[in-house]
Amino acid sequence: DPSSLGFRTATRSGLALPSDAWGERYLDGGKGEFTPLPTNEWYLNLLSHRAAKDPSSAGEIAHVYTIPYVLGVSPPRATMLPHNTKHGSNNSKQEQTTQTQTMAGIDLYVPIMKAGSSNMQMVYDAHNGVSLGAIVNDDDAHLAKTKDADGKTKASSAPTSYEVDPDVPLSPLGVSLRWKHVNMKTHVVRGMPYGTVRFGRDATGKDVLPTILAGNRVASILLDSDDAGNNNNMEGKPGKKKMMMCGSMTGEHVDQGADHVAAISKDGKAQTYTVERELILHLDQSDFTWIAFFSRPVRVRCFSDAMPKVSVPGADTEVQFRLDVVEVIGNGEEEEEEELATSRTAIAPSTRVLSSIDIDSSPSSRSQNSFTSSAPLMIM
């Protein structure tokens, strides 16, 4: 503490104070022990007051450039799929199509150079990014409460809020974050080849399961397990991957256009598949390919948008693809000493993107089994 050496101190208030995202370890926690905080690091957008208040609405304010990715913490709202699981009046069907869920996690974008006659810019297309995280309960009834200056009771933090992980030392290379209302962590590092999210268990002992969202429809998904579709020419060949089919966004048959066929089952229903180690996603509009590596077997299912034969003008939806891990196979209490589950995404020089997801299982800092999911993005 510089004041102990006789240096003058300054009392800060309001927005001049460090945000709540620094957490108790770095904000004294009432112990009278202050820690010097970095003031000019490249990752500080993630710890701004806007990001600390509600990451889901921070948008570009909380973006950082990790090299090679632009990383954010505002995944789009995940549409509950399929849309029309209930049949009835037109009103009830419309209600089904508008229901969404809040997702906490990270966004990964691949920047490109845009050159003009007088300048050069690094830009990205948000629709070509992917989001990796978990669905959270946005009903604030379960959140801790505080009272504001007017005496009104409100949630002390947003359901997607996070803080600096006190178990990982600060470094000029990056920062580790843990979410406050879901047992999930990420490590944001300059030069990282992967985007990584680590999942633990909730208060009831259930696994927190990953979700991947994308703004592109999926053209194909290849799996390394034997329970994928039988209607592809890779079936039965050793070392070859099998095709996985998604459900449609409505859960019903879609008459697709011949030029841009999404990997959707004939009847539009979503099936559940086993992934032993990896799956490969090829997204249509961006022509990016993502590879997800899992460190232990999981069960997954997906939904994708489709290009109909007769297209109707209108804005693209924010989410055109969703993949959910519905089960981590064999993740029991007896496997407490094994590694965690992880999902990663990485980038290499070309027009296609390769992403990976690794899943392991080991005890978390909260004495619970953890499951890590990372999304590495590689352009190939």
Protein backbone atom coordinates (compact mmCIF):
# COMPACT_ATOMS: atom_id res chain seq x y z
CA ASP A 1 0.00 0.00 0.00
CA PRO A 2 1.69 3.27 -1.14
CA SER A 3 0.04 5.18 1.74
CA SER A 4 2.13 3.15 4.22
CA LEU A 5 5.22 4.72 2.61
CA GLY A 6 3.93 8.24 3.08
CA PHE A 7 2.50 8.80 -0.42
CA ARG A 8 -0.68 10.81 -0.77
CA THR A 9 -3.84 8.86 -1.50
CA ALA A 10 -6.91 9.74 -3.54
CA THR A 11 -10.45 8.72 -2.73
CA ARG A 12 -12.38 7.67 -5.82
CA SER A 13 -16.15 7.40 -6.17
CA GLY A 14 -18.78 6.52 -8.76
CA LEU A 15 -17.52 5.49 -12.19
CA ALA A 16 -13.95 6.31 -11.14
CA LEU A 17 -14.01 3.27 -8.85
CA PRO A 18 -13.07 -0.18 -10.18
CA SER A 19 -16.16 -2.10 -11.32
CA ASP A 20 -17.73 -4.98 -9.40
CA ALA A 21 -16.25 -7.36 -11.98
CA TRP A 22 -12.97 -7.26 -10.04
CA GLY A 23 -14.61 -9.27 -7.26
CA GLU A 24 -13.93 -9.32 -3.54
CA ARG A 25 -10.29 -10.38 -3.78
CA TYR A 26 -9.30 -7.22 -5.64
CA LEU A 27 -11.87 -4.84 -4.14
CA ASP A 28 -10.83 -5.27 -0.50
CA GLY A 29 -13.95 -7.20 0.56
CA GLY A 30 -14.08 -5.17 3.77
CA LYS A 31 -10.70 -6.45 4.98
CA GLY A 32 -8.77 -3.21 4.55
CA GLU A 33 -6.28 -4.95 2.25
CA PHE A 34 -6.24 -3.26 -1.16
CA THR A 35 -4.57 -4.76 -4.21
CA PRO A 36 -3.09 -2.54 -6.94
CA LEU A 37 -5.10 -3.04 -10.13
CA PRO A 38 -3.88 -2.77 -13.73
CA THR A 39 -5.00 0.45 -15.39
CA ASN A 40 -3.91 0.05 -19.01
CA GLU A 41 -4.19 -3.64 -19.91
CA TRP A 42 -5.67 -4.76 -23.22
CA TYR A 43 -8.45 -6.80 -21.56
CA LEU A 44 -9.95 -4.03 -19.38
CA ASN A 45 -13.05 -3.67 -21.61
CA LEU A 46 -14.18 -6.94 -20.05
CA LEU A 47 -14.02 -5.34 -16.59
CA SER A 48 -15.71 -2.01 -17.38
CA HIS A 49 -18.73 -0.84 -15.40
CA ARG A 50 -20.99 -1.55 -18.41
CA ALA A 51 -19.72 -5.13 -18.68
CA ALA A 52 -19.92 -5.65 -14.91
CA LYS A 53 -23.52 -4.42 -14.71
CA ASP A 54 -24.93 -6.72 -17.39
CA PRO A 55 -22.61 -8.51 -19.83
CA SER A 56 -25.54 -9.63 -21.99
CA SER A 57 -26.24 -6.03 -23.01
CA ALA A 58 -22.66 -4.73 -23.09
CA GLY A 59 -22.12 -5.59 -26.77
CA GLU A 60 -19.06 -4.07 -28.44
CA ILE A 61 -18.27 -2.04 -25.31
CA ALA A 62 -16.91 -5.26 -23.79
CA HIS A 63 -15.03 -6.56 -26.84
CA VAL A 64 -11.29 -7.31 -26.67
CA TYR A 65 -8.82 -8.35 -29.35
CA THR A 66 -7.08 -11.52 -28.22
CA ILE A 67 -5.21 -12.04 -31.51
CA PRO A 68 -6.50 -13.71 -33.61
CA TYR A 69 -10.05 -13.41 -32.26
CA VAL A 70 -12.28 -10.55 -31.29
CA LEU A 71 -13.88 -11.83 -28.08
CA GLY A 72 -17.10 -10.62 -26.47
CA VAL A 73 -19.30 -11.64 -23.55
CA SER A 74 -22.78 -10.94 -24.96
CA PRO A 75 -24.14 -14.10 -26.61
CA PRO A 76 -27.46 -13.57 -28.40
CA ARG A 77 -30.64 -14.79 -26.78
CA ALA A 78 -31.11 -18.45 -27.63
CA THR A 79 -34.44 -19.29 -29.22
CA MET A 80 -36.27 -22.14 -27.49
CA LEU A 81 -36.47 -24.89 -30.09
CA PRO A 82 -38.39 -26.21 -31.79
CA HIS A 83 -40.66 -23.16 -32.11
CA ASN A 84 -44.03 -24.83 -32.34
CA THR A 85 -43.93 -27.79 -29.98
CA LYS A 86 -47.50 -26.98 -28.97
CA HIS A 87 -50.36 -26.88 -31.42
CA GLY A 88 -53.48 -24.86 -30.96
CA SER A 89 -54.64 -21.38 -31.82
CA ASN A 90 -52.57 -19.02 -33.94
CA ASN A 91 -51.86 -16.97 -30.83
CA SER A 92 -50.41 -19.91 -28.91
CA LYS A 93 -48.26 -20.82 -31.90
CA GLN A 94 -46.98 -17.25 -32.13
CA GLU A 95 -46.06 -17.32 -28.45
CA GLN A 96 -43.97 -20.42 -29.09
CA THR A 97 -42.00 -18.67 -31.85
CA THR A 98 -40.99 -15.74 -29.63
CA GLN A 99 -39.75 -17.57 -26.53
CA THR A 100 -36.03 -17.18 -25.93
CA GLN A 101 -33.51 -18.06 -23.24
CA THR A 102 -30.63 -16.07 -21.76
CA MET A 103 -27.16 -17.43 -22.37
CA ALA A 104 -24.00 -16.58 -20.44
CA GLY A 105 -20.65 -17.16 -22.11
CA ILE A 106 -18.27 -15.82 -24.74
CA ASP A 107 -18.51 -14.78 -28.40
CA LEU A 108 -15.70 -15.40 -30.89
CA TYR A 109 -15.35 -13.46 -34.14
CA VAL A 110 -12.78 -13.79 -36.91
CA PRO A 111 -11.60 -10.31 -38.00
CA ILE A 112 -10.67 -9.49 -41.59
CA MET A 113 -8.88 -6.54 -43.17
CA LYS A 114 -10.97 -4.03 -45.11
CA ALA A 115 -8.93 -1.64 -47.25
CA GLY A 116 -10.00 1.60 -48.92
CA SER A 117 -8.26 4.30 -50.91
CA SER A 118 -7.37 6.22 -47.74
CA ASN A 119 -7.48 3.75 -44.85
CA MET A 120 -7.41 0.15 -43.66
CA GLN A 121 -9.74 -1.31 -41.04
CA MET A 122 -10.03 -4.56 -39.17
CA VAL A 123 -13.70 -5.57 -39.22
CA TYR A 124 -15.80 -8.68 -38.57
CA ASP A 125 -19.26 -9.96 -39.44
CA ALA A 126 -21.18 -10.71 -36.25
CA HIS A 127 -23.30 -13.33 -38.07
CA ASN A 128 -20.14 -15.31 -38.81
CA GLY A 129 -19.16 -15.61 -35.15
CA VAL A 130 -19.98 -18.36 -32.68
CA SER A 131 -21.04 -18.19 -29.05
CA LEU A 132 -20.12 -20.74 -26.39
CA GLY A 133 -21.64 -20.86 -22.92
CA ALA A 134 -24.63 -22.12 -20.96
CA ILE A 135 -28.29 -21.23 -20.61
CA VAL A 136 -29.00 -19.36 -17.36
CA ASN A 137 -32.15 -18.68 -15.39
CA ASP A 138 -33.02 -15.03 -16.04
CA ASP A 139 -35.81 -15.05 -13.44
CA ASP A 140 -34.25 -12.87 -10.72
CA ALA A 141 -36.26 -14.61 -8.00
CA HIS A 142 -33.26 -16.86 -7.29
CA LEU A 143 -30.68 -14.04 -7.31
CA ALA A 144 -29.31 -12.27 -4.24
CA LYS A 145 -31.14 -9.01 -3.51
CA THR A 146 -30.03 -5.51 -2.48
CA LYS A 147 -31.85 -2.23 -1.89
CA ASP A 148 -31.17 0.88 -3.96
CA ALA A 149 -31.14 4.50 -2.76
CA ASP A 150 -34.94 4.62 -3.00
CA GLY A 151 -35.35 1.54 -0.85
CA LYS A 152 -36.46 -0.64 -3.75
CA THR A 153 -35.35 -4.26 -3.75
CA LYS A 154 -33.51 -5.47 -6.85
CA ALA A 155 -31.13 -8.25 -7.89
CA SER A 156 -27.58 -7.47 -6.83
CA SER A 157 -26.20 -8.62 -10.19
CA ALA A 158 -27.44 -9.74 -13.61
CA PRO A 159 -27.80 -13.50 -14.26
CA THR A 160 -24.98 -13.28 -16.83
CA SER A 161 -22.60 -11.31 -14.59
CA TYR A 162 -19.07 -12.50 -13.84
CA GLU A 163 -15.99 -11.52 -11.86
CA VAL A 164 -12.23 -11.98 -12.03
CA ASP A 165 -11.40 -15.51 -10.91
CA PRO A 166 -9.60 -15.10 -7.54
CA ASP A 167 -7.90 -18.47 -7.95
CA VAL A 168 -5.88 -17.39 -11.01
CA PRO A 169 -3.18 -14.69 -10.70
CA LEU A 170 -3.45 -11.55 -12.82
CA SER A 171 -1.09 -11.41 -15.80
CA PRO A 172 -0.29 -8.98 -18.63
CA LEU A 173 -1.12 -11.89 -20.94
CA GLY A 174 -4.74 -12.14 -19.88
CA VAL A 175 -7.45 -12.54 -17.28
CA SER A 176 -9.60 -15.41 -16.02
CA LEU A 177 -13.31 -14.89 -15.36
CA ARG A 178 -15.88 -16.87 -13.45
CA TRP A 179 -19.63 -16.36 -13.71
CA LYS A 180 -21.51 -15.54 -10.53
CA HIS A 181 -24.77 -17.41 -11.12
CA VAL A 182 -23.61 -20.43 -13.12
CA ASN A 183 -20.60 -22.65 -12.34
CA MET A 184 -18.58 -21.65 -15.38
CA LYS A 185 -15.13 -20.13 -16.03
CA THR A 186 -13.12 -18.87 -18.98
CA HIS A 187 -9.51 -17.83 -19.58
CA VAL A 188 -9.01 -14.88 -21.94
CA VAL A 189 -5.38 -14.82 -23.09
CA ARG A 190 -3.57 -12.73 -25.70
CA GLY A 191 -2.67 -14.99 -28.64
CA MET A 192 -4.96 -17.81 -27.53
CA PRO A 193 -5.63 -20.39 -30.27
CA TYR A 194 -8.81 -21.50 -28.48
CA GLY A 195 -11.76 -19.91 -26.74
CA THR A 196 -12.27 -21.99 -23.60
CA VAL A 197 -15.15 -22.25 -21.15
CA ARG A 198 -15.03 -24.57 -18.17
CA PHE A 199 -18.30 -25.97 -16.80
CA GLY A 200 -18.90 -27.30 -13.29
CA ARG A 201 -22.02 -28.44 -11.48
CA ASP A 202 -24.93 -26.43 -10.17
CA ALA A 203 -26.15 -26.32 -6.57
CA THR A 204 -28.20 -29.49 -7.09
CA GLY A 205 -25.20 -31.46 -8.36
CA LYS A 206 -26.28 -31.47 -12.01
CA ASP A 207 -23.78 -30.78 -14.81
CA VAL A 208 -23.85 -27.30 -16.32
CA LEU A 209 -24.10 -28.18 -20.02
CA PRO A 210 -22.62 -26.22 -22.94
CA THR A 211 -24.57 -24.60 -25.75
CA ILE A 212 -23.10 -23.35 -29.05
CA LEU A 213 -24.90 -20.71 -31.11
CA ALA A 214 -24.09 -19.41 -34.59
CA GLY A 215 -25.57 -16.81 -36.92
CA ASN A 216 -25.14 -19.15 -39.93
CA ARG A 217 -27.15 -22.24 -40.84
CA VAL A 218 -25.17 -25.50 -40.78
CA ALA A 219 -24.36 -27.20 -44.09
CA SER A 220 -22.95 -30.40 -42.57
CA ILE A 221 -21.96 -31.97 -39.24
CA LEU A 222 -19.61 -34.95 -39.10
CA LEU A 223 -19.29 -37.16 -36.01
CA ASP A 224 -16.80 -39.77 -34.83
CA SER A 225 -19.45 -42.08 -33.31
CA ASP A 226 -21.38 -44.98 -34.83
CA ASP A 227 -24.91 -43.77 -34.08
CA ALA A 228 -24.96 -41.10 -36.80
CA GLY A 229 -27.17 -41.33 -39.85
CA ASN A 230 -27.02 -44.39 -42.05
CA ASN A 231 -27.85 -42.46 -45.21
CA ASN A 232 -24.31 -41.31 -46.02
CA ASN A 233 -21.45 -42.93 -47.87
CA MET A 234 -19.12 -42.86 -44.84
CA GLU A 235 -21.15 -45.34 -42.82
CA GLY A 236 -19.25 -48.46 -41.86
CA LYS A 237 -15.82 -47.31 -43.03
CA PRO A 238 -13.16 -47.42 -40.28
CA GLY A 239 -11.71 -44.01 -39.38
CA LYS A 240 -14.38 -42.16 -41.33
CA LYS A 241 -16.85 -39.75 -39.77
CA LYS A 242 -20.61 -40.07 -39.98
CA MET A 243 -23.20 -37.44 -40.76
CA MET A 244 -25.30 -35.84 -38.01
CA MET A 245 -28.64 -34.25 -38.89
CA CYS A 246 -30.30 -31.40 -37.01
CA GLY A 247 -33.91 -30.65 -36.37
CA SER A 248 -35.50 -27.67 -38.10
CA MET A 249 -36.22 -24.50 -36.15
CA THR A 250 -39.94 -25.39 -36.22
CA GLY A 251 -39.49 -29.09 -35.59
CA GLU A 252 -41.31 -29.86 -38.84
CA HIS A 253 -40.35 -30.79 -42.41
CA VAL A 254 -38.76 -27.98 -44.45
CA ASP A 255 -38.83 -27.90 -48.26
CA GLN A 256 -35.32 -26.58 -48.83
CA GLY A 257 -33.73 -24.90 -51.82
CA ALA A 258 -31.32 -27.09 -53.78
CA ASP A 259 -28.39 -24.64 -53.72
CA HIS A 260 -28.12 -24.19 -49.94
CA VAL A 261 -29.31 -27.34 -48.20
CA ALA A 262 -28.96 -27.31 -44.41
CA ALA A 263 -28.16 -30.51 -42.49
CA ILE A 264 -31.76 -31.01 -41.40
CA SER A 265 -33.50 -34.37 -41.05
CA LYS A 266 -36.20 -35.26 -43.57
CA ASP A 267 -38.99 -34.94 -41.03
CA GLY A 268 -37.44 -31.89 -39.31
CA LYS A 269 -37.15 -33.69 -35.96
CA ALA A 270 -34.01 -33.42 -33.84
CA GLN A 271 -32.26 -36.63 -32.79
CA THR A 272 -29.68 -37.08 -30.03
CA TYR A 273 -26.21 -38.32 -31.01
CA THR A 274 -23.16 -39.55 -29.13
CA VAL A 275 -19.85 -37.76 -29.69
CA GLU A 276 -16.84 -39.77 -28.56
CA ARG A 277 -14.18 -37.17 -29.18
CA GLU A 278 -14.98 -34.65 -31.90
CA LEU A 279 -17.51 -33.22 -34.33
CA ILE A 280 -16.99 -30.98 -37.37
CA LEU A 281 -19.43 -28.19 -38.23
CA HIS A 282 -19.44 -26.54 -41.64
CA LEU A 283 -21.49 -23.32 -41.69
CA ASP A 284 -23.14 -22.31 -44.93
CA GLN A 285 -23.02 -18.54 -45.43
CA SER A 286 -19.57 -17.93 -43.91
CA ASP A 287 -18.01 -21.12 -45.36
CA PHE A 288 -16.35 -21.59 -41.96
CA THR A 289 -15.65 -25.06 -40.57
CA TRP A 290 -15.50 -25.52 -36.80
CA ILE A 291 -14.17 -28.66 -35.12
CA ALA A 292 -15.32 -29.40 -31.59
CA PHE A 293 -13.11 -31.73 -29.55
CA PHE A 294 -14.48 -33.35 -26.40
CA SER A 295 -12.26 -34.89 -23.74
CA ARG A 296 -14.99 -37.34 -22.76
CA PRO A 297 -18.07 -38.72 -24.55
CA VAL A 298 -21.17 -36.52 -24.65
CA ARG A 299 -24.68 -36.63 -26.07
CA VAL A 300 -25.64 -33.73 -28.33
CA ARG A 301 -28.51 -32.48 -30.46
CA CYS A 302 -28.87 -29.51 -32.78
CA PHE A 303 -31.32 -27.28 -34.63
CA SER A 304 -30.67 -25.33 -37.82
CA ASP A 305 -32.41 -22.77 -39.97
CA ALA A 306 -32.97 -23.60 -43.65
CA MET A 307 -33.05 -21.78 -46.97
CA PRO A 308 -36.57 -22.43 -48.31
CA LYS A 309 -37.21 -22.94 -52.03
CA VAL A 310 -39.20 -19.72 -52.07
CA SER A 311 -37.41 -17.10 -49.97
CA VAL A 312 -39.19 -14.17 -48.35
CA PRO A 313 -37.39 -10.79 -47.99
CA GLY A 314 -36.49 -9.85 -44.44
CA ALA A 315 -33.66 -9.50 -41.97
CA ASP A 316 -31.64 -12.57 -41.00
CA THR A 317 -32.35 -13.98 -37.57
CA GLU A 318 -29.57 -13.54 -35.01
CA VAL A 319 -29.33 -17.29 -34.31
CA GLN A 320 -29.57 -19.75 -37.21
CA PHE A 321 -27.89 -22.72 -35.54
CA ARG A 322 -27.94 -24.13 -32.02
CA LEU A 323 -26.13 -27.17 -30.63
CA ASP A 324 -26.76 -28.38 -27.08
CA VAL A 325 -24.82 -30.91 -25.04
CA VAL A 326 -27.62 -32.76 -23.28
CA GLU A 327 -25.49 -35.21 -21.26
CA VAL A 328 -21.89 -35.81 -20.22
CA ILE A 329 -21.52 -39.58 -20.33
CA GLY A 330 -20.06 -41.20 -17.22
CA ASN A 331 -19.52 -37.92 -15.34
CA GLY A 332 -20.19 -39.34 -11.88
CA GLU A 333 -18.93 -38.55 -8.39
CA GLU A 334 -16.57 -41.55 -8.56
CA GLU A 335 -14.61 -39.80 -11.35
CA GLU A 336 -13.71 -36.86 -9.19
CA GLU A 337 -9.99 -36.99 -10.01
CA GLU A 338 -10.33 -36.93 -13.80
CA GLU A 339 -9.84 -33.91 -16.02
CA LEU A 340 -12.50 -31.34 -16.80
CA ALA A 341 -14.50 -30.96 -20.01
CA THR A 342 -13.39 -28.26 -22.44
CA SER A 343 -14.51 -26.77 -25.77
CA ARG A 344 -12.12 -24.75 -27.99
CA THR A 345 -11.97 -22.76 -31.27
CA ALA A 346 -8.86 -21.82 -33.34
CA ILE A 347 -7.91 -20.05 -36.63
CA ALA A 348 -5.62 -20.92 -39.59
CA PRO A 349 -4.95 -19.20 -42.97
CA SER A 350 -7.86 -19.78 -45.36
CA THR A 351 -11.58 -19.26 -45.83
CA ARG A 352 -12.69 -22.05 -43.54
CA VAL A 353 -12.69 -22.06 -39.78
CA LEU A 354 -11.74 -24.98 -37.56
CA SER A 355 -13.05 -25.08 -34.03
CA SER A 356 -12.62 -27.65 -31.28
CA ILE A 357 -14.31 -28.64 -28.04
CA ASP A 358 -12.51 -30.61 -25.34
CA ILE A 359 -14.33 -32.07 -22.34
CA ASP A 360 -12.68 -33.37 -19.19
CA SER A 361 -13.93 -34.03 -15.68
CA SER A 362 -12.16 -33.07 -12.42
CA PRO A 363 -12.90 -31.27 -9.17
CA SER A 364 -13.53 -27.55 -9.44
CA SER A 365 -12.46 -24.87 -7.00
CA ARG A 366 -15.90 -25.23 -5.44
CA SER A 367 -15.27 -28.90 -4.56
CA GLN A 368 -17.62 -30.06 -7.32
CA ASN A 369 -16.95 -32.05 -10.46
CA SER A 370 -16.30 -29.68 -13.34
CA PHE A 371 -16.80 -29.94 -17.05
CA THR A 372 -14.90 -27.67 -19.42
CA SER A 373 -16.01 -26.67 -22.87
CA SER A 374 -13.80 -24.61 -25.14
CA ALA A 375 -14.32 -23.43 -28.69
CA PRO A 376 -11.10 -23.16 -30.74
CA LEU A 377 -11.56 -21.45 -34.10
CA MET A 378 -9.17 -22.29 -36.91
CA ILE A 379 -9.47 -21.08 -40.48
CA MET A 380 -8.25 -23.82 -42.80
